[in-house]
PDB file of all heavy atoms in Angstrom:
ATOM      1  N   ASN A   1     102.293 187.138 357.325  1.00  0.00           N
ATOM      2  CA  ASN A   1     103.581 187.526 357.924  1.00  0.00           C
ATOM      3  C   ASN A   1     104.644 187.802 356.857  1.00  0.00           C
ATOM      4  O   ASN A   1     105.466 188.721 357.037  1.00  0.00           O
ATOM      5  CB  ASN A   1     104.057 186.448 358.888  1.00  0.00           C
ATOM      6  CG  ASN A   1     103.259 186.416 360.168  1.00  0.00           C
ATOM      7  OD1 ASN A   1     102.681 187.399 360.570  1.00  0.00           O
ATOM      8  ND2 ASN A   1     103.205 185.237 360.805  1.00  0.00           N
ATOM      9  N   GLU A   2     104.612 187.018 355.796  1.00  0.00           N
ATOM     10  CA  GLU A   2     105.573 187.215 354.697  1.00  0.00           C
ATOM     11  C   GLU A   2     105.298 188.539 353.974  1.00  0.00           C
ATOM     12  O   GLU A   2     106.228 189.227 353.548  1.00  0.00           O
ATOM     13  CB  GLU A   2     105.542 186.035 353.706  1.00  0.00           C
ATOM     14  CG  GLU A   2     106.021 184.746 354.301  1.00  0.00           C
ATOM     15  CD  GLU A   2     107.442 184.832 354.835  1.00  0.00           C
ATOM     16  OE1 GLU A   2     108.313 185.418 354.129  1.00  0.00           O
ATOM     17  OE2 GLU A   2     107.706 184.297 355.921  1.00  0.00           O
ATOM     18  N   PHE A   3     104.003 188.853 353.825  1.00  0.00           N
ATOM     19  CA  PHE A   3     103.658 190.141 353.213  1.00  0.00           C
ATOM     20  C   PHE A   3     104.198 191.300 354.096  1.00  0.00           C
ATOM     21  O   PHE A   3     104.706 192.288 353.572  1.00  0.00           O
ATOM     22  CB  PHE A   3     102.140 190.268 353.109  1.00  0.00           C
ATOM     23  CG  PHE A   3     101.513 189.533 351.981  1.00  0.00           C
ATOM     24  CD1 PHE A   3     100.311 188.859 352.112  1.00  0.00           C
ATOM     25  CD2 PHE A   3     102.125 189.516 350.710  1.00  0.00           C
ATOM     26  CE1 PHE A   3      99.734 188.183 351.040  1.00  0.00           C
ATOM     27  CE2 PHE A   3     101.573 188.838 349.644  1.00  0.00           C
ATOM     28  CZ  PHE A   3     100.379 188.170 349.801  1.00  0.00           C
ATOM     29  N   ILE A   4     104.055 191.152 355.397  1.00  0.00           N
ATOM     30  CA  ILE A   4     104.524 192.210 356.317  1.00  0.00           C
ATOM     31  C   ILE A   4     106.045 192.395 356.213  1.00  0.00           C
ATOM     32  O   ILE A   4     106.583 193.506 356.192  1.00  0.00           O
ATOM     33  CB  ILE A   4     104.113 191.880 357.763  1.00  0.00           C
ATOM     34  CG1 ILE A   4     102.572 191.941 357.916  1.00  0.00           C
ATOM     35  CG2 ILE A   4     104.790 192.795 358.790  1.00  0.00           C
ATOM     36  CD1 ILE A   4     102.056 191.435 359.234  1.00  0.00           C
ATOM     37  N   LYS A   5     106.775 191.248 356.137  1.00  0.00           N
ATOM     38  CA  LYS A   5     108.246 191.298 356.008  1.00  0.00           C
ATOM     39  C   LYS A   5     108.664 191.993 354.731  1.00  0.00           C
ATOM     40  O   LYS A   5     109.554 192.843 354.718  1.00  0.00           O
ATOM     41  CB  LYS A   5     108.827 189.879 356.031  1.00  0.00           C
ATOM     42  CG  LYS A   5     108.776 189.185 357.382  1.00  0.00           C
ATOM     43  CD  LYS A   5     109.359 187.766 357.223  1.00  0.00           C
ATOM     44  CE  LYS A   5     109.172 186.960 358.516  1.00  0.00           C
ATOM     45  NZ  LYS A   5     109.660 185.552 358.318  1.00  0.00           N
ATOM     46  N   LEU A   6     108.007 191.620 353.611  1.00  0.00           N
ATOM     47  CA  LEU A   6     108.358 192.216 352.317  1.00  0.00           C
ATOM     48  C   LEU A   6     108.021 193.711 352.326  1.00  0.00           C
ATOM     49  O   LEU A   6     108.787 194.534 351.834  1.00  0.00           O
ATOM     50  CB  LEU A   6     107.606 191.518 351.171  1.00  0.00           C
ATOM     51  CG  LEU A   6     107.822 192.072 349.772  1.00  0.00           C
ATOM     52  CD1 LEU A   6     109.315 191.945 349.381  1.00  0.00           C
ATOM     53  CD2 LEU A   6     106.974 191.354 348.743  1.00  0.00           C
ATOM     54  N   HIS A   7     106.877 194.042 352.923  1.00  0.00           N
ATOM     55  CA  HIS A   7     106.443 195.448 353.012  1.00  0.00           C
ATOM     56  C   HIS A   7     107.506 196.266 353.773  1.00  0.00           C
ATOM     57  O   HIS A   7     107.854 197.408 353.374  1.00  0.00           O
ATOM     58  CB  HIS A   7     105.098 195.531 353.698  1.00  0.00           C
ATOM     59  CG  HIS A   7     104.571 196.917 353.873  1.00  0.00           C
ATOM     60  ND1 HIS A   7     104.764 197.664 355.017  1.00  0.00           N
ATOM     61  CD2 HIS A   7     103.868 197.703 353.038  1.00  0.00           C
ATOM     62  CE1 HIS A   7     104.203 198.838 354.863  1.00  0.00           C
ATOM     63  NE2 HIS A   7     103.644 198.916 353.680  1.00  0.00           N
ATOM     64  N   LYS A   8     108.016 195.753 354.853  1.00  0.00           N
ATOM     65  CA  LYS A   8     109.001 196.441 355.647  1.00  0.00           C
ATOM     66  C   LYS A   8     110.286 196.690 354.840  1.00  0.00           C
ATOM     67  O   LYS A   8     110.859 197.786 354.914  1.00  0.00           O
ATOM     68  CB  LYS A   8     109.322 195.617 356.921  1.00  0.00           C
ATOM     69  CG  LYS A   8     110.204 196.348 357.882  1.00  0.00           C
ATOM     70  CD  LYS A   8     110.469 195.489 359.143  1.00  0.00           C
ATOM     71  CE  LYS A   8     111.407 196.197 360.114  1.00  0.00           C
ATOM     72  NZ  LYS A   8     111.683 195.362 361.306  1.00  0.00           N
ATOM     73  N   LYS A   9     110.678 195.681 354.046  1.00  0.00           N
ATOM     74  CA  LYS A   9     111.903 195.844 353.248  1.00  0.00           C
ATOM     75  C   LYS A   9     111.701 196.875 352.158  1.00  0.00           C
ATOM     76  O   LYS A   9     112.589 197.706 351.921  1.00  0.00           O
ATOM     77  CB  LYS A   9     112.275 194.481 352.617  1.00  0.00           C
ATOM     78  CG  LYS A   9     112.865 193.497 353.562  1.00  0.00           C
ATOM     79  CD  LYS A   9     113.196 192.168 352.878  1.00  0.00           C
ATOM     80  CE  LYS A   9     113.752 191.136 353.855  1.00  0.00           C
ATOM     81  NZ  LYS A   9     113.951 189.823 353.180  1.00  0.00           N
ATOM     82  N   LEU A  10     110.558 196.806 351.474  1.00  0.00           N
ATOM     83  CA  LEU A  10     110.306 197.700 350.359  1.00  0.00           C
ATOM     84  C   LEU A  10     110.119 199.151 350.823  1.00  0.00           C
ATOM     85  O   LEU A  10     110.410 200.072 350.084  1.00  0.00           O
ATOM     86  CB  LEU A  10     109.109 197.244 349.544  1.00  0.00           C
ATOM     87  CG  LEU A  10     109.239 195.876 348.830  1.00  0.00           C
ATOM     88  CD1 LEU A  10     108.058 195.639 347.893  1.00  0.00           C
ATOM     89  CD2 LEU A  10     110.542 195.789 348.050  1.00  0.00           C
ATOM     90  N   LYS A  11     109.579 199.340 352.005  1.00  0.00           N
ATOM     91  CA  LYS A  11     109.378 200.719 352.533  1.00  0.00           C
ATOM     92  C   LYS A  11     110.704 201.451 352.645  1.00  0.00           C
ATOM     93  O   LYS A  11     110.755 202.695 352.575  1.00  0.00           O
ATOM     94  CB  LYS A  11     108.692 200.657 353.900  1.00  0.00           C
ATOM     95  CG  LYS A  11     107.199 200.365 353.865  1.00  0.00           C
ATOM     96  CD  LYS A  11     106.395 201.538 353.269  1.00  0.00           C
ATOM     97  CE  LYS A  11     106.193 202.676 354.227  1.00  0.00           C
ATOM     98  NZ  LYS A  11     105.275 203.728 353.671  1.00  0.00           N
ATOM     99  N   GLU A  12     111.801 200.677 352.843  1.00  0.00           N
ATOM    100  CA  GLU A  12     113.129 201.285 352.942  1.00  0.00           C
ATOM    101  C   GLU A  12     113.525 201.997 351.657  1.00  0.00           C
ATOM    102  O   GLU A  12     114.318 202.924 351.654  1.00  0.00           O
ATOM    103  CB  GLU A  12     114.187 200.230 353.288  1.00  0.00           C
ATOM    104  CG  GLU A  12     114.021 199.569 354.609  1.00  0.00           C
ATOM    105  CD  GLU A  12     114.956 198.383 354.808  1.00  0.00           C
ATOM    106  OE1 GLU A  12     115.895 198.252 354.004  1.00  0.00           O
ATOM    107  OE2 GLU A  12     114.769 197.627 355.778  1.00  0.00           O
ATOM    108  N   PHE A  13     112.965 201.525 350.512  1.00  0.00           N
ATOM    109  CA  PHE A  13     113.326 202.058 349.197  1.00  0.00           C
ATOM    110  C   PHE A  13     112.347 203.151 348.725  1.00  0.00           C
ATOM    111  O   PHE A  13     112.601 203.796 347.695  1.00  0.00           O
ATOM    112  CB  PHE A  13     113.318 200.955 348.153  1.00  0.00           C
ATOM    113  CG  PHE A  13     114.241 199.808 348.464  1.00  0.00           C
ATOM    114  CD1 PHE A  13     113.747 198.515 348.517  1.00  0.00           C
ATOM    115  CD2 PHE A  13     115.579 200.015 348.688  1.00  0.00           C
ATOM    116  CE1 PHE A  13     114.593 197.431 348.806  1.00  0.00           C
ATOM    117  CE2 PHE A  13     116.431 198.966 348.971  1.00  0.00           C
ATOM    118  CZ  PHE A  13     115.918 197.668 349.035  1.00  0.00           C
ATOM    119  N   GLU A  14     111.281 203.390 349.481  1.00  0.00           N
ATOM    120  CA  GLU A  14     110.209 204.243 349.016  1.00  0.00           C
ATOM    121  C   GLU A  14     110.681 205.701 348.716  1.00  0.00           C
ATOM    122  O   GLU A  14     110.202 206.314 347.781  1.00  0.00           O
ATOM    123  CB  GLU A  14     109.079 204.326 350.028  1.00  0.00           C
ATOM    124  CG  GLU A  14     107.792 204.886 349.469  1.00  0.00           C
ATOM    125  CD  GLU A  14     106.626 204.773 350.443  1.00  0.00           C
ATOM    126  OE1 GLU A  14     106.832 204.579 351.651  1.00  0.00           O
ATOM    127  OE2 GLU A  14     105.479 204.864 349.943  1.00  0.00           O
ATOM    128  N   HIS A  15     111.629 206.178 349.489  1.00  0.00           N
ATOM    129  CA  HIS A  15     112.118 207.553 349.290  1.00  0.00           C
ATOM    130  C   HIS A  15     113.556 207.601 348.749  1.00  0.00           C
ATOM    131  O   HIS A  15     114.169 208.658 348.732  1.00  0.00           O
ATOM    132  CB  HIS A  15     112.018 208.314 350.614  1.00  0.00           C
ATOM    133  CG  HIS A  15     110.607 208.400 351.131  1.00  0.00           C
ATOM    134  ND1 HIS A  15     109.611 209.068 350.486  1.00  0.00           N
ATOM    135  CD2 HIS A  15     110.047 207.830 352.255  1.00  0.00           C
ATOM    136  CE1 HIS A  15     108.480 208.937 351.171  1.00  0.00           C
ATOM    137  NE2 HIS A  15     108.705 208.187 352.240  1.00  0.00           N
ATOM    138  N   ASP A  16     114.059 206.452 348.294  1.00  0.00           N
ATOM    139  CA  ASP A  16     115.371 206.392 347.678  1.00  0.00           C
ATOM    140  C   ASP A  16     115.213 206.907 346.238  1.00  0.00           C
ATOM    141  O   ASP A  16     114.443 206.317 345.461  1.00  0.00           O
ATOM    142  CB  ASP A  16     115.845 204.928 347.681  1.00  0.00           C
ATOM    143  CG  ASP A  16     117.266 204.802 347.124  1.00  0.00           C
ATOM    144  OD1 ASP A  16     117.610 205.516 346.181  1.00  0.00           O
ATOM    145  OD2 ASP A  16     118.042 203.952 347.633  1.00  0.00           O
ATOM    146  N   PRO A  17     115.930 207.967 345.873  1.00  0.00           N
ATOM    147  CA  PRO A  17     115.748 208.543 344.519  1.00  0.00           C
ATOM    148  C   PRO A  17     116.041 207.568 343.385  1.00  0.00           C
ATOM    149  O   PRO A  17     115.492 207.687 342.302  1.00  0.00           O
ATOM    150  CB  PRO A  17     116.740 209.703 344.493  1.00  0.00           C
ATOM    151  CG  PRO A  17     117.717 209.452 345.599  1.00  0.00           C
ATOM    152  CD  PRO A  17     116.930 208.696 346.633  1.00  0.00           C
ATOM    153  N   TYR A  18     116.921 206.583 343.652  1.00  0.00           N
ATOM    154  CA  TYR A  18     117.275 205.598 342.598  1.00  0.00           C
ATOM    155  C   TYR A  18     116.316 204.404 342.551  1.00  0.00           C
ATOM    156  O   TYR A  18     116.273 203.703 341.572  1.00  0.00           O
ATOM    157  CB  TYR A  18     118.693 205.095 342.810  1.00  0.00           C
ATOM    158  CG  TYR A  18     119.730 206.184 342.741  1.00  0.00           C
ATOM    159  CD1 TYR A  18     120.682 206.334 343.758  1.00  0.00           C
ATOM    160  CD2 TYR A  18     119.797 207.073 341.665  1.00  0.00           C
ATOM    161  CE1 TYR A  18     121.666 207.310 343.688  1.00  0.00           C
ATOM    162  CE2 TYR A  18     120.752 208.079 341.615  1.00  0.00           C
ATOM    163  CZ  TYR A  18     121.675 208.185 342.639  1.00  0.00           C
ATOM    164  OH  TYR A  18     122.627 209.183 342.574  1.00  0.00           O
ATOM    165  N   GLN A  19     115.544 204.201 343.616  1.00  0.00           N
ATOM    166  CA  GLN A  19     114.705 203.016 343.697  1.00  0.00           C
ATOM    167  C   GLN A  19     113.215 203.322 343.618  1.00  0.00           C
ATOM    168  O   GLN A  19     112.426 202.505 343.163  1.00  0.00           O
ATOM    169  CB  GLN A  19     114.980 202.261 344.990  1.00  0.00           C
ATOM    170  CG  GLN A  19     116.401 201.801 345.178  1.00  0.00           C
ATOM    171  CD  GLN A  19     116.795 200.741 344.149  1.00  0.00           C
ATOM    172  OE1 GLN A  19     115.969 199.959 343.680  1.00  0.00           O
ATOM    173  NE2 GLN A  19     118.057 200.749 343.769  1.00  0.00           N
ATOM    174  N   SER A  20     112.845 204.506 344.064  1.00  0.00           N
ATOM    175  CA  SER A  20     111.424 204.852 344.243  1.00  0.00           C
ATOM    176  C   SER A  20     110.650 204.793 342.915  1.00  0.00           C
ATOM    177  O   SER A  20     109.424 204.567 342.926  1.00  0.00           O
ATOM    178  CB  SER A  20     111.265 206.237 344.858  1.00  0.00           C
ATOM    179  OG  SER A  20     111.887 207.232 344.049  1.00  0.00           O
ATOM    180  N   ARG A  21     111.331 205.005 341.792  1.00  0.00           N
ATOM    181  CA  ARG A  21     110.598 205.058 340.536  1.00  0.00           C
ATOM    182  C   ARG A  21     109.979 203.727 340.163  1.00  0.00           C
ATOM    183  O   ARG A  21     108.962 203.657 339.451  1.00  0.00           O
ATOM    184  CB  ARG A  21     111.524 205.536 339.383  1.00  0.00           C
ATOM    185  CG  ARG A  21     110.724 205.938 338.194  1.00  0.00           C
ATOM    186  CD  ARG A  21     111.551 206.408 337.025  1.00  0.00           C
ATOM    187  NE  ARG A  21     110.701 206.623 335.913  1.00  0.00           N
ATOM    188  CZ  ARG A  21     110.261 205.647 335.118  1.00  0.00           C
ATOM    189  NH1 ARG A  21     110.617 204.419 335.351  1.00  0.00           N
ATOM    190  NH2 ARG A  21     109.433 205.904 334.102  1.00  0.00           N
ATOM    191  N   ALA A  22     110.551 202.640 340.712  1.00  0.00           N
ATOM    192  CA  ALA A  22     109.971 201.303 340.449  1.00  0.00           C
ATOM    193  C   ALA A  22     108.528 201.236 340.931  1.00  0.00           C
ATOM    194  O   ALA A  22     107.701 200.528 340.344  1.00  0.00           O
ATOM    195  CB  ALA A  22     110.805 200.246 341.134  1.00  0.00           C
ATOM    196  N   PHE A  23     108.212 201.980 341.979  1.00  0.00           N
ATOM    197  CA  PHE A  23     106.838 201.954 342.529  1.00  0.00           C
ATOM    198  C   PHE A  23     105.838 202.657 341.645  1.00  0.00           C
ATOM    199  O   PHE A  23     104.624 202.512 341.814  1.00  0.00           O
ATOM    200  CB  PHE A  23     106.835 202.594 343.920  1.00  0.00           C
ATOM    201  CG  PHE A  23     107.690 201.881 344.905  1.00  0.00           C
ATOM    202  CD1 PHE A  23     108.755 202.502 345.502  1.00  0.00           C
ATOM    203  CD2 PHE A  23     107.436 200.531 345.237  1.00  0.00           C
ATOM    204  CE1 PHE A  23     109.566 201.828 346.429  1.00  0.00           C
ATOM    205  CE2 PHE A  23     108.239 199.876 346.168  1.00  0.00           C
ATOM    206  CZ  PHE A  23     109.310 200.523 346.747  1.00  0.00           C
ATOM    207  N   LEU A  24     106.315 203.488 340.682  1.00  0.00           N
ATOM    208  CA  LEU A  24     105.392 204.224 339.833  1.00  0.00           C
ATOM    209  C   LEU A  24     104.775 203.328 338.745  1.00  0.00           C
ATOM    210  O   LEU A  24     103.672 203.591 338.262  1.00  0.00           O
ATOM    211  CB  LEU A  24     106.123 205.401 339.167  1.00  0.00           C
ATOM    212  CG  LEU A  24     106.615 206.478 340.143  1.00  0.00           C
ATOM    213  CD1 LEU A  24     107.509 207.482 339.442  1.00  0.00           C
ATOM    214  CD2 LEU A  24     105.447 207.222 340.756  1.00  0.00           C
ATOM    215  N   TYR A  25     105.483 202.260 338.385  1.00  0.00           N
ATOM    216  CA  TYR A  25     104.951 201.318 337.403  1.00  0.00           C
ATOM    217  C   TYR A  25     103.935 200.374 338.064  1.00  0.00           C
ATOM    218  O   TYR A  25     102.920 199.996 337.502  1.00  0.00           O
ATOM    219  CB  TYR A  25     106.097 200.467 336.819  1.00  0.00           C
ATOM    220  CG  TYR A  25     106.799 201.121 335.681  1.00  0.00           C
ATOM    221  CD1 TYR A  25     107.969 201.870 335.908  1.00  0.00           C
ATOM    222  CD2 TYR A  25     106.342 201.061 334.384  1.00  0.00           C
ATOM    223  CE1 TYR A  25     108.654 202.489 334.868  1.00  0.00           C
ATOM    224  CE2 TYR A  25     107.018 201.659 333.333  1.00  0.00           C
ATOM    225  CZ  TYR A  25     108.161 202.377 333.600  1.00  0.00           C
ATOM    226  OH  TYR A  25     108.827 202.975 332.564  1.00  0.00           O
ATOM    227  N   LEU A  26     104.293 199.987 339.263  1.00  0.00           N
ATOM    228  CA  LEU A  26     103.436 199.045 340.011  1.00  0.00           C
ATOM    229  C   LEU A  26     103.505 199.398 341.484  1.00  0.00           C
ATOM    230  O   LEU A  26     104.595 199.286 342.089  1.00  0.00           O
ATOM    231  CB  LEU A  26     103.886 197.582 339.770  1.00  0.00           C
ATOM    232  CG  LEU A  26     103.140 196.490 340.525  1.00  0.00           C
ATOM    233  CD1 LEU A  26     101.645 196.510 340.220  1.00  0.00           C
ATOM    234  CD2 LEU A  26     103.735 195.124 340.192  1.00  0.00           C
ATOM    235  N   ASP A  27     102.406 199.830 342.076  1.00  0.00           N
ATOM    236  CA  ASP A  27     102.398 200.259 343.464  1.00  0.00           C
ATOM    237  C   ASP A  27     102.374 198.997 344.355  1.00  0.00           C
ATOM    238  O   ASP A  27     101.361 198.656 344.944  1.00  0.00           O
ATOM    239  CB  ASP A  27     101.193 201.161 343.716  1.00  0.00           C
ATOM    240  CG  ASP A  27     101.299 201.866 345.043  1.00  0.00           C
ATOM    241  OD1 ASP A  27     102.165 201.499 345.842  1.00  0.00           O
ATOM    242  OD2 ASP A  27     100.501 202.818 345.298  1.00  0.00           O
ATOM    243  N   ILE A  28     103.563 198.350 344.432  1.00  0.00           N
ATOM    244  CA  ILE A  28     103.661 197.106 345.193  1.00  0.00           C
ATOM    245  C   ILE A  28     103.359 197.323 346.673  1.00  0.00           C
ATOM    246  O   ILE A  28     102.736 196.488 347.308  1.00  0.00           O
ATOM    247  CB  ILE A  28     105.089 196.512 345.027  1.00  0.00           C
ATOM    248  CG1 ILE A  28     105.373 196.188 343.552  1.00  0.00           C
ATOM    249  CG2 ILE A  28     105.216 195.209 345.839  1.00  0.00           C
ATOM    250  CD1 ILE A  28     106.805 195.782 343.278  1.00  0.00           C
ATOM    251  N   ILE A  29     103.790 198.491 347.193  1.00  0.00           N
ATOM    252  CA  ILE A  29     103.577 198.765 348.612  1.00  0.00           C
ATOM    253  C   ILE A  29     102.101 198.848 348.943  1.00  0.00           C
ATOM    254  O   ILE A  29     101.656 198.235 349.939  1.00  0.00           O
ATOM    255  CB  ILE A  29     104.311 200.073 349.027  1.00  0.00           C
ATOM    256  CG1 ILE A  29     105.846 199.822 349.038  1.00  0.00           C
ATOM    257  CG2 ILE A  29     103.832 200.579 350.385  1.00  0.00           C
ATOM    258  CD1 ILE A  29     106.673 201.020 349.418  1.00  0.00           C
ATOM    259  N   SER A  30     101.321 199.520 348.107  1.00  0.00           N
ATOM    260  CA  SER A  30      99.876 199.610 348.322  1.00  0.00           C
ATOM    261  C   SER A  30      99.230 198.251 348.211  1.00  0.00           C
ATOM    262  O   SER A  30      98.307 197.922 348.949  1.00  0.00           O
ATOM    263  CB  SER A  30      99.222 200.619 347.371  1.00  0.00           C
ATOM    264  OG  SER A  30      99.622 201.933 347.672  1.00  0.00           O
ATOM    265  N   TRP A  31      99.709 197.430 347.266  1.00  0.00           N
ATOM    266  CA  TRP A  31      99.172 196.081 347.121  1.00  0.00           C
ATOM    267  C   TRP A  31      99.426 195.250 348.380  1.00  0.00           C
ATOM    268  O   TRP A  31      98.545 194.561 348.869  1.00  0.00           O
ATOM    269  CB  TRP A  31      99.754 195.406 345.901  1.00  0.00           C
ATOM    270  CG  TRP A  31      99.267 193.969 345.753  1.00  0.00           C
ATOM    271  CD1 TRP A  31      98.030 193.548 345.420  1.00  0.00           C
ATOM    272  CD2 TRP A  31     100.082 192.789 345.969  1.00  0.00           C
ATOM    273  NE1 TRP A  31      97.983 192.165 345.419  1.00  0.00           N
ATOM    274  CE2 TRP A  31      99.231 191.674 345.750  1.00  0.00           C
ATOM    275  CE3 TRP A  31     101.411 192.564 346.293  1.00  0.00           C
ATOM    276  CZ2 TRP A  31      99.679 190.368 345.859  1.00  0.00           C
ATOM    277  CZ3 TRP A  31     101.856 191.262 346.411  1.00  0.00           C
ATOM    278  CH2 TRP A  31     100.999 190.165 346.194  1.00  0.00           C
TER     279      TRP A  31
END
């Protein structure tokens, strides 16, 4: 359930031009 909560929060940043680059170093959402 905690994974699901964090996933929901991080998905909000996936297409944010200032935040999305963080996912290129480590694909936290896919994990």
